[in-house]
């Protein structure tokens, strides 16, 4: 009898908060690990999750820890992260000894490994696993590649961005399921694979979520769509055509058979087409999104009209400000002329004083040259000349200070806002 997957009651909160495809793959991984736990008769497993780091709206997380709270879990990835249980490393060159973990898992990571390193990646997972390896990943075929191309081009056109994960899928090439199953067979491992992530539902949900990103970038709308899918369609997503597959590989005999007993009943036959029901259920949501987009277009048009009115008001305000500035310029123009006249008069007085000083200095020099031939009366006369020179010099310095102060005031007027406007108006 064919059954359906049902999510575990303790994972209900995860169904409320996690992206639909992440919830689906980790839930299936949890079911497989529970089967391994029963087969190995180990209540607690040591697990290595290779590539299990995820940033949820800017918050670093390790999703697998929500599904396996009772196990000893280590997450390895290439980014820097300070969360407990995380280590930074390279999945194709692990710094762990042979058989270091009961089970090694990896979800949506193989496709991000460059082709030449994928075989080393598999060898490393198998080397550090004591009992087995469970791997989930998107695997390439014409339908999957067409779906990814559609999503990639939509994001590029509508959101004006390149989806980096999908770009890596293109650059590296998606792995092919049959090739890696054959690789495991040739290496002598017992293995079995299962579909998950019904392709038509996956592409529809991804398009809806990215439409929401365009009109409502916050997490609330995303969580509501994910919750709707997790509650309504989670049980129907393990079927062909599938976006990804789960591969279980055993190193301890009996592991694959036990996992198969748990997972095989949850796989829906391909002739049971759920796409019509899926599309019919989500059509109202799609219509709501389209209507909201049209509403936003109208709001943008209204906002554009309001912006135009604001711009005209700003132009009028600028015109009034220019007129006010011109009046201020006329008001201060006569002050500028007065400063110029005062400075000109002081400069003439200063020039006369400097000439007087020069004449007296010449007389003093002649007097000093004759001092050796004159008596005390001549010296007294020279001292009188020196006193007169000091007096004239002090007066000259005072006048020079007055002129300098007026020059500074004129320069302040010239460099001030009013003079800048005058210069612009006069074309300087």
Protein backbone atom coordinates (compact mmCIF):
# COMPACT_ATOMS: atom_id res chain seq x y z
CA UNK A 1 0.00 0.00 0.00
CA UNK A 2 1.31 3.42 -0.97
CA UNK A 3 1.32 5.93 1.88
CA UNK A 4 2.31 9.57 2.11
CA UNK A 5 4.89 11.46 4.11
CA UNK A 6 3.63 13.17 7.24
CA UNK A 7 5.79 15.56 9.17
CA UNK A 8 6.63 14.71 12.74
CA UNK A 9 4.67 16.66 15.40
CA UNK A 10 7.85 17.99 17.02
CA UNK A 11 8.79 19.60 13.71
CA UNK A 12 5.63 21.67 13.39
CA UNK A 13 7.46 24.85 14.41
CA UNK A 14 10.08 24.23 11.72
CA UNK A 15 7.25 23.92 9.17
CA UNK A 16 6.14 27.42 10.21
CA UNK A 17 9.55 29.03 9.83
CA UNK A 18 11.67 27.21 7.24
CA UNK A 19 11.73 27.59 3.43
CA UNK A 20 9.60 24.87 1.84
CA UNK A 21 12.41 23.09 -0.03
CA UNK A 22 14.76 23.21 2.98
CA UNK A 23 12.06 21.84 5.28
CA UNK A 24 11.26 19.05 2.83
CA UNK A 25 14.82 17.82 2.34
CA UNK A 26 15.82 17.95 6.02
CA UNK A 27 12.59 16.26 7.08
CA UNK A 28 13.29 13.40 4.66
CA UNK A 29 16.86 13.28 5.97
CA UNK A 30 15.52 13.01 9.53
CA UNK A 31 13.26 10.08 8.54
CA UNK A 32 16.22 8.26 6.96
CA UNK A 33 18.39 8.89 10.04
CA UNK A 34 15.66 7.62 12.36
CA UNK A 35 15.64 4.39 10.34
CA UNK A 36 19.45 4.19 10.68
CA UNK A 37 19.11 4.79 14.42
CA UNK A 38 16.68 1.88 14.73
CA UNK A 39 18.85 -0.43 12.61
CA UNK A 40 22.00 0.38 14.57
CA UNK A 41 20.12 0.34 17.90
CA UNK A 42 21.75 3.64 18.87
CA UNK A 43 19.49 6.27 20.51
CA UNK A 44 22.13 8.93 19.79
CA UNK A 45 24.15 9.16 16.58
CA UNK A 46 27.29 11.11 15.78
CA UNK A 47 26.56 12.94 12.53
CA UNK A 48 28.63 15.11 10.20
CA UNK A 49 26.64 17.45 7.94
CA UNK A 50 28.90 18.59 5.08
CA UNK A 51 27.74 21.90 3.57
CA UNK A 52 25.02 22.51 6.15
CA UNK A 53 25.48 26.24 6.84
CA UNK A 54 22.55 28.52 5.93
CA UNK A 55 22.03 32.27 6.36
CA UNK A 56 18.37 33.00 7.11
CA UNK A 57 17.65 36.68 6.40
CA UNK A 58 21.16 37.60 7.49
CA UNK A 59 21.18 35.29 10.55
CA UNK A 60 23.65 32.35 10.43
CA UNK A 61 21.93 29.02 11.16
CA UNK A 62 22.61 25.27 11.10
CA UNK A 63 19.23 23.86 9.94
CA UNK A 64 19.99 20.21 10.70
CA UNK A 65 20.23 20.94 14.43
CA UNK A 66 16.48 21.72 14.46
CA UNK A 67 15.74 18.23 13.15
CA UNK A 68 18.23 16.25 15.25
CA UNK A 69 18.26 17.84 18.73
CA UNK A 70 19.19 14.58 20.50
CA UNK A 71 22.15 13.67 18.28
CA UNK A 72 25.75 14.81 18.37
CA UNK A 73 25.91 16.89 15.20
CA UNK A 74 28.90 18.59 13.58
CA UNK A 75 28.33 20.93 10.64
CA UNK A 76 31.16 21.65 8.21
CA UNK A 77 31.15 24.36 5.53
CA UNK A 78 33.52 26.81 3.82
CA UNK A 79 32.32 30.04 5.48
CA UNK A 80 33.33 31.60 8.81
CA UNK A 81 30.81 30.90 11.57
CA UNK A 82 31.00 30.97 15.38
CA UNK A 83 27.94 28.79 16.13
CA UNK A 84 28.49 25.79 18.46
CA UNK A 85 29.06 22.56 16.58
CA UNK A 86 30.38 24.28 13.45
CA UNK A 87 33.81 23.76 11.85
CA UNK A 88 35.22 25.38 8.74
CA UNK A 89 36.64 22.99 6.18
CA UNK A 90 36.71 21.53 2.67
CA UNK A 91 34.33 18.65 1.96
CA UNK A 92 36.71 17.19 -0.63
CA UNK A 93 39.57 17.12 1.91
CA UNK A 94 38.21 16.45 5.40
CA UNK A 95 40.42 16.76 8.47
CA UNK A 96 38.81 13.79 10.24
CA UNK A 97 40.05 10.26 10.69
CA UNK A 98 38.49 7.22 9.03
CA UNK A 99 35.07 6.24 10.44
CA UNK A 100 34.94 9.34 12.69
CA UNK A 101 31.11 9.65 12.52
CA UNK A 102 28.26 7.15 12.58
CA UNK A 103 26.54 8.76 9.59
CA UNK A 104 27.73 11.47 7.19
CA UNK A 105 25.06 13.57 5.45
CA UNK A 106 25.11 16.30 2.83
CA UNK A 107 22.18 18.30 1.47
CA UNK A 108 22.31 20.45 -1.67
CA UNK A 109 26.10 20.64 -1.72
CA UNK A 110 27.34 18.19 -4.39
CA UNK A 111 26.11 20.48 -7.20
CA UNK A 112 28.28 23.32 -5.83
CA UNK A 113 31.46 21.20 -6.02
CA UNK A 114 33.42 21.68 -9.29
CA UNK A 115 33.21 18.58 -11.51
CA UNK A 116 36.89 17.53 -11.11
CA UNK A 117 36.51 17.43 -7.28
CA UNK A 118 33.18 15.60 -6.97
CA UNK A 119 34.69 12.12 -6.90
CA UNK A 120 37.08 13.20 -4.12
CA UNK A 121 34.07 14.68 -2.29
CA UNK A 122 32.26 11.32 -2.38
CA UNK A 123 35.39 9.45 -1.29
CA UNK A 124 35.81 11.74 1.71
CA UNK A 125 32.18 11.36 2.83
CA UNK A 126 32.48 7.58 2.63
CA UNK A 127 35.89 7.53 4.32
CA UNK A 128 34.86 9.37 7.52
CA UNK A 129 31.48 7.54 7.81
CA UNK A 130 31.36 4.47 10.06
CA UNK A 131 27.99 3.09 8.95
CA UNK A 132 26.78 5.04 5.92
CA UNK A 133 26.24 8.21 3.90
CA UNK A 134 23.00 10.02 3.04
CA UNK A 135 23.20 12.66 0.32
CA UNK A 136 20.52 14.90 -1.21
CA UNK A 137 21.10 17.08 -4.25
CA UNK A 138 19.47 18.40 -7.41
CA UNK A 139 20.38 16.08 -10.27
CA UNK A 140 20.41 17.20 -13.87
CA UNK A 141 18.02 16.13 -16.63
CA UNK A 142 16.26 18.12 -19.39
CA UNK A 143 13.23 18.95 -17.22
CA UNK A 144 15.26 20.13 -14.23
CA UNK A 145 17.58 22.19 -16.42
CA UNK A 146 14.60 23.83 -18.16
CA UNK A 147 13.03 24.71 -14.81
CA UNK A 148 16.28 26.21 -13.52
CA UNK A 149 16.76 28.19 -16.75
CA UNK A 150 13.23 29.63 -16.41
CA UNK A 151 13.82 30.66 -12.79
CA UNK A 152 17.29 32.08 -13.53
CA UNK A 153 16.02 34.23 -16.42
CA UNK A 154 13.00 35.44 -14.44
CA UNK A 155 15.20 36.58 -11.54
CA UNK A 156 17.64 38.24 -13.94
CA UNK A 157 14.87 40.06 -15.84
CA UNK A 158 12.44 41.01 -13.08
CA UNK A 159 14.77 41.44 -10.10
CA UNK A 160 17.80 42.57 -12.14
CA UNK A 161 20.06 40.12 -10.29
CA UNK A 162 21.86 36.85 -10.91
CA UNK A 163 20.96 33.97 -8.60
CA UNK A 164 24.40 32.85 -7.46
CA UNK A 165 23.43 29.26 -6.58
CA UNK A 166 21.74 28.72 -9.94
CA UNK A 167 24.71 30.33 -11.66
CA UNK A 168 27.03 27.80 -10.00
CA UNK A 169 24.71 25.02 -11.19
CA UNK A 170 25.24 26.32 -14.73
CA UNK A 171 28.98 26.89 -14.37
CA UNK A 172 29.74 23.51 -12.78
CA UNK A 173 26.97 21.49 -14.39
CA UNK A 174 24.37 19.59 -12.35
CA UNK A 175 25.43 16.06 -11.30
CA UNK A 176 23.70 13.18 -13.08
CA UNK A 177 22.00 10.65 -10.80
CA UNK A 178 22.70 7.56 -12.93
CA UNK A 179 26.41 8.37 -13.14
CA UNK A 180 26.86 8.59 -9.36
CA UNK A 181 24.76 5.51 -8.69
CA UNK A 182 27.00 3.65 -11.12
CA UNK A 183 30.08 5.10 -9.39
CA UNK A 184 28.86 3.71 -6.05
CA UNK A 185 28.00 0.33 -7.59
CA UNK A 186 31.46 0.06 -9.15
CA UNK A 187 33.02 0.87 -5.75
CA UNK A 188 31.08 -2.03 -4.23
CA UNK A 189 28.59 -0.05 -2.14
CA UNK A 190 24.93 -0.95 -1.69
CA UNK A 191 22.86 2.16 -2.41
CA UNK A 192 19.35 3.31 -3.24
CA UNK A 193 17.83 6.63 -4.33
CA UNK A 194 14.47 8.35 -3.79
CA UNK A 195 12.83 11.37 -5.47
CA UNK A 196 11.92 14.47 -3.47
CA UNK A 197 10.88 17.98 -4.39
CA UNK A 198 8.16 17.51 -7.04
CA UNK A 199 9.57 19.55 -9.94
CA UNK A 200 6.35 21.31 -11.03
CA UNK A 201 5.61 22.37 -7.45
CA UNK A 202 9.23 23.42 -6.92
CA UNK A 203 9.37 25.76 -9.93
CA UNK A 204 5.93 27.23 -9.12
CA UNK A 205 6.87 27.92 -5.51
CA UNK A 206 10.24 29.41 -6.45
CA UNK A 207 8.59 31.78 -8.93
CA UNK A 208 5.98 32.84 -6.34
CA UNK A 209 8.64 33.43 -3.67
CA UNK A 210 10.72 35.59 -6.01
CA UNK A 211 7.65 37.57 -7.09
CA UNK A 212 7.09 38.24 -3.38
CA UNK A 213 10.70 39.36 -3.03
CA UNK A 214 10.00 42.03 -5.63
CA UNK A 215 6.87 43.44 -3.99
CA UNK A 216 7.44 42.58 -0.32
CA UNK A 217 11.10 41.87 0.52
CA UNK A 218 10.42 41.19 4.20
CA UNK A 219 10.29 37.66 5.68
CA UNK A 220 6.60 37.66 6.66
CA UNK A 221 5.12 36.96 3.23
CA UNK A 222 7.80 34.35 2.54
CA UNK A 223 7.00 32.51 5.78
CA UNK A 224 3.27 32.49 5.01
CA UNK A 225 3.80 30.98 1.55
CA UNK A 226 6.25 28.40 2.93
CA UNK A 227 3.85 27.45 5.74
CA UNK A 228 0.99 27.05 3.25
CA UNK A 229 3.07 24.68 1.14
CA UNK A 230 4.50 22.75 4.11
CA UNK A 231 1.02 22.19 5.51
CA UNK A 232 -0.80 21.45 2.23
CA UNK A 233 1.67 19.86 -0.21
CA UNK A 234 4.58 18.46 1.80
CA UNK A 235 3.03 14.97 1.64
CA UNK A 236 2.86 14.97 -2.18
CA UNK A 237 6.34 16.18 -3.14
CA UNK A 238 8.14 12.78 -3.17
CA UNK A 239 7.43 11.82 -6.76
CA UNK A 240 8.77 12.03 -10.28
CA UNK A 241 9.62 14.31 -11.96
CA UNK A 242 11.71 15.40 -8.98
CA UNK A 243 14.01 18.37 -8.54
CA UNK A 244 16.33 16.48 -6.19
CA UNK A 245 16.98 12.91 -5.06
CA UNK A 246 18.14 11.35 -1.81
CA UNK A 247 20.83 8.66 -2.04
CA UNK A 248 21.47 6.38 0.92
CA UNK A 249 24.74 4.37 0.89
CA UNK A 250 25.53 1.69 3.44
CA UNK A 251 28.85 0.64 4.96
CA UNK A 252 27.10 -1.47 7.58
CA UNK A 253 24.93 -4.25 6.15
CA UNK A 254 21.18 -3.81 6.48
CA UNK A 255 21.19 -0.01 6.59
CA UNK A 256 19.79 0.55 3.08
CA UNK A 257 17.07 -2.06 3.60
CA UNK A 258 15.96 -0.41 6.85
CA UNK A 259 15.89 3.08 5.29
CA UNK A 260 14.00 1.73 2.30
CA UNK A 261 11.34 0.32 4.60
CA UNK A 262 10.85 3.84 6.00
CA UNK A 263 11.04 5.89 2.79
CA UNK A 264 9.65 3.69 0.02
CA UNK A 265 6.04 3.88 1.32
CA UNK A 266 6.19 7.69 1.20
CA UNK A 267 7.07 7.84 -2.51
CA UNK A 268 4.03 8.57 -4.67
CA UNK A 269 3.76 6.82 -8.05
CA UNK A 270 4.30 9.07 -11.08
CA UNK A 271 0.90 8.26 -12.58
CA UNK A 272 -0.84 10.02 -9.68
CA UNK A 273 -0.70 13.55 -11.06
CA UNK A 274 -1.01 16.13 -8.32
CA UNK A 275 -0.09 19.07 -10.55
CA UNK A 276 -3.72 20.01 -11.29
CA UNK A 277 -4.61 20.07 -7.60
CA UNK A 278 -1.43 21.95 -6.81
CA UNK A 279 -2.03 24.55 -9.51
CA UNK A 280 -5.69 24.97 -8.60
CA UNK A 281 -4.88 25.53 -4.96
CA UNK A 282 -2.17 28.11 -5.64
CA UNK A 283 -4.00 29.96 -8.42
CA UNK A 284 -5.84 32.26 -5.95
CA UNK A 285 -2.50 33.11 -4.38
CA UNK A 286 -1.03 33.91 -7.80
CA UNK A 287 -4.04 36.11 -8.65
CA UNK A 288 -3.66 37.93 -5.33
CA UNK A 289 0.01 38.59 -6.08
CA UNK A 290 -0.79 39.89 -9.59
CA UNK A 291 -3.52 42.17 -8.21
CA UNK A 292 -1.13 43.48 -5.60
CA UNK A 293 1.45 44.16 -8.29
CA UNK A 294 -1.13 46.12 -10.32
CA UNK A 295 -2.08 48.03 -7.19
CA UNK A 296 1.55 48.89 -6.62
CA UNK A 297 1.84 50.14 -10.22
CA UNK A 298 -1.12 52.48 -9.61
CA UNK A 299 0.44 53.64 -6.35
CA UNK A 300 3.73 54.28 -8.13
CA UNK A 301 1.93 56.33 -10.80
CA UNK A 302 0.14 58.35 -8.13
CA UNK A 303 3.40 58.78 -6.28
CA UNK A 304 5.02 59.95 -9.52
CA UNK A 305 2.27 62.57 -10.01
CA UNK A 306 2.68 63.74 -6.40
CA UNK A 307 6.43 63.91 -6.94
CA UNK A 308 5.92 66.17 -9.99
CA UNK A 309 3.78 68.56 -7.93
CA UNK A 310 6.44 68.62 -5.24
CA UNK A 311 9.09 69.38 -7.84
CA UNK A 312 7.09 72.37 -9.19
CA UNK A 313 6.65 73.64 -5.63
CA UNK A 314 10.40 73.33 -5.10
CA UNK A 315 11.05 75.31 -8.32
CA UNK A 316 8.72 78.11 -7.18
CA UNK A 317 10.36 78.17 -3.77
CA UNK A 318 13.79 78.41 -5.42
CA UNK A 319 12.59 81.32 -7.61
CA UNK A 320 11.34 83.24 -4.56
CA UNK A 321 14.61 82.59 -2.80
CA UNK A 322 16.56 84.00 -5.77
CA UNK A 323 14.46 87.18 -5.70
CA UNK A 324 15.03 87.57 -1.97
CA UNK A 325 18.76 87.09 -2.50
CA UNK A 326 18.83 89.77 -5.20
CA UNK A 327 17.17 92.24 -2.81
CA UNK A 328 19.79 91.40 -0.22
CA UNK A 329 22.49 91.98 -2.81
CA UNK A 330 21.14 95.46 -3.62
CA UNK A 331 20.90 96.27 0.08
CA UNK A 332 24.53 95.36 0.79
CA UNK A 333 25.98 96.78 -2.42
CA UNK A 334 26.39 100.32 -0.96
CA UNK A 335 28.23 98.88 2.07
CA UNK A 336 30.73 97.29 -0.26
CA UNK A 337 31.28 100.64 -2.06
CA UNK A 338 31.77 102.43 1.29
CA UNK A 339 34.38 99.89 2.40
CA UNK A 340 36.24 100.36 -0.85
CA UNK A 341 36.33 104.16 -0.45
CA UNK A 342 37.62 103.91 3.15
CA UNK A 343 40.34 101.51 2.14
CA UNK A 344 41.41 103.78 -0.74
CA UNK A 345 41.66 106.81 1.59
CA UNK A 346 43.67 104.89 4.19
CA UNK A 347 46.04 103.59 1.54
CA UNK A 348 46.77 107.21 0.42
CA UNK A 349 47.42 108.35 4.02
CA UNK A 350 49.64 105.34 4.58
CA UNK A 351 51.65 106.13 1.46
CA UNK A 352 52.23 109.74 2.66
CA UNK A 353 53.37 108.54 6.09
CA UNK A 354 55.77 106.08 4.53
CA UNK A 355 57.31 108.89 2.46
CA UNK A 356 57.77 111.00 5.62
CA UNK A 357 59.42 108.08 7.41
CA UNK A 358 61.79 107.57 4.49
CA UNK A 359 62.82 111.26 4.51
CA UNK A 360 63.44 111.24 8.27
CA UNK A 361 65.46 108.03 8.03
CA UNK A 362 67.65 109.73 5.39
CA UNK A 363 68.20 112.74 7.63
CA UNK A 364 69.03 110.44 10.56
CA UNK A 365 71.63 108.61 8.54
CA UNK A 366 73.30 111.90 7.56
CA UNK A 367 73.22 113.07 11.19
CA UNK A 368 74.88 109.87 12.43
CA UNK A 369 77.65 110.26 9.85
CA UNK A 370 78.40 113.75 11.17
CA UNK A 371 78.17 112.92 14.90
CA UNK A 372 81.88 112.32 15.28
CA UNK A 373 82.50 115.95 14.36
CA UNK A 374 79.82 117.65 16.41
CA UNK A 375 79.33 118.32 20.05
CA UNK A 376 76.72 117.25 22.55
CA UNK A 377 74.13 119.61 21.12
CA UNK A 378 74.20 117.77 17.81
CA UNK A 379 73.65 114.45 19.64
CA UNK A 380 70.65 115.93 21.41
CA UNK A 381 69.29 117.05 18.08
CA UNK A 382 69.77 113.52 16.73
CA UNK A 383 67.84 112.08 19.67
CA UNK A 384 65.02 114.48 18.94
CA UNK A 385 64.98 113.28 15.34
CA UNK A 386 64.83 109.65 16.56
CA UNK A 387 61.91 110.45 18.86
CA UNK A 388 60.08 112.09 15.97
CA UNK A 389 60.73 109.03 13.79
CA UNK A 390 59.39 106.68 16.50
CA UNK A 391 56.26 108.74 16.81
CA UNK A 392 55.67 108.79 13.06
CA UNK A 393 56.40 105.05 12.84
CA UNK A 394 53.82 104.25 15.53
CA UNK A 395 51.22 106.38 13.77
CA UNK A 396 52.06 104.71 10.49
CA UNK A 397 51.65 101.25 12.06
CA UNK A 398 48.30 102.28 13.55
CA UNK A 399 47.07 103.48 10.15
CA UNK A 400 48.35 100.28 8.53
CA UNK A 401 46.38 98.21 11.08
CA UNK A 402 43.24 100.20 10.32
CA UNK A 403 43.69 99.59 6.59
CA UNK A 404 44.32 95.88 7.15
CA UNK A 405 41.13 95.53 9.19
CA UNK A 406 39.10 97.16 6.45
CA UNK A 407 40.70 94.86 3.88
CA UNK A 408 39.66 91.82 5.95
CA UNK A 409 36.09 93.10 6.19
CA UNK A 410 36.01 93.61 2.42
CA UNK A 411 37.41 90.12 1.85
CA UNK A 412 34.75 88.68 4.18
CA UNK A 413 32.08 90.43 2.16
CA UNK A 414 33.63 89.19 -1.08
CA UNK A 415 33.85 85.56 0.12
CA UNK A 416 30.41 85.56 1.79
CA UNK A 417 27.20 84.13 0.38
CA UNK A 418 26.03 87.48 -0.98
CA UNK A 419 29.28 88.10 -2.93
CA UNK A 420 29.18 84.53 -4.32
CA UNK A 421 25.72 85.27 -5.64
CA UNK A 422 26.94 88.65 -6.99
CA UNK A 423 29.81 86.93 -8.76
CA UNK A 424 27.45 84.42 -10.33
CA UNK A 425 25.07 87.17 -11.41
CA UNK A 426 27.94 89.20 -12.87
CA UNK A 427 29.26 86.14 -14.74
CA UNK A 428 32.60 85.93 -12.87
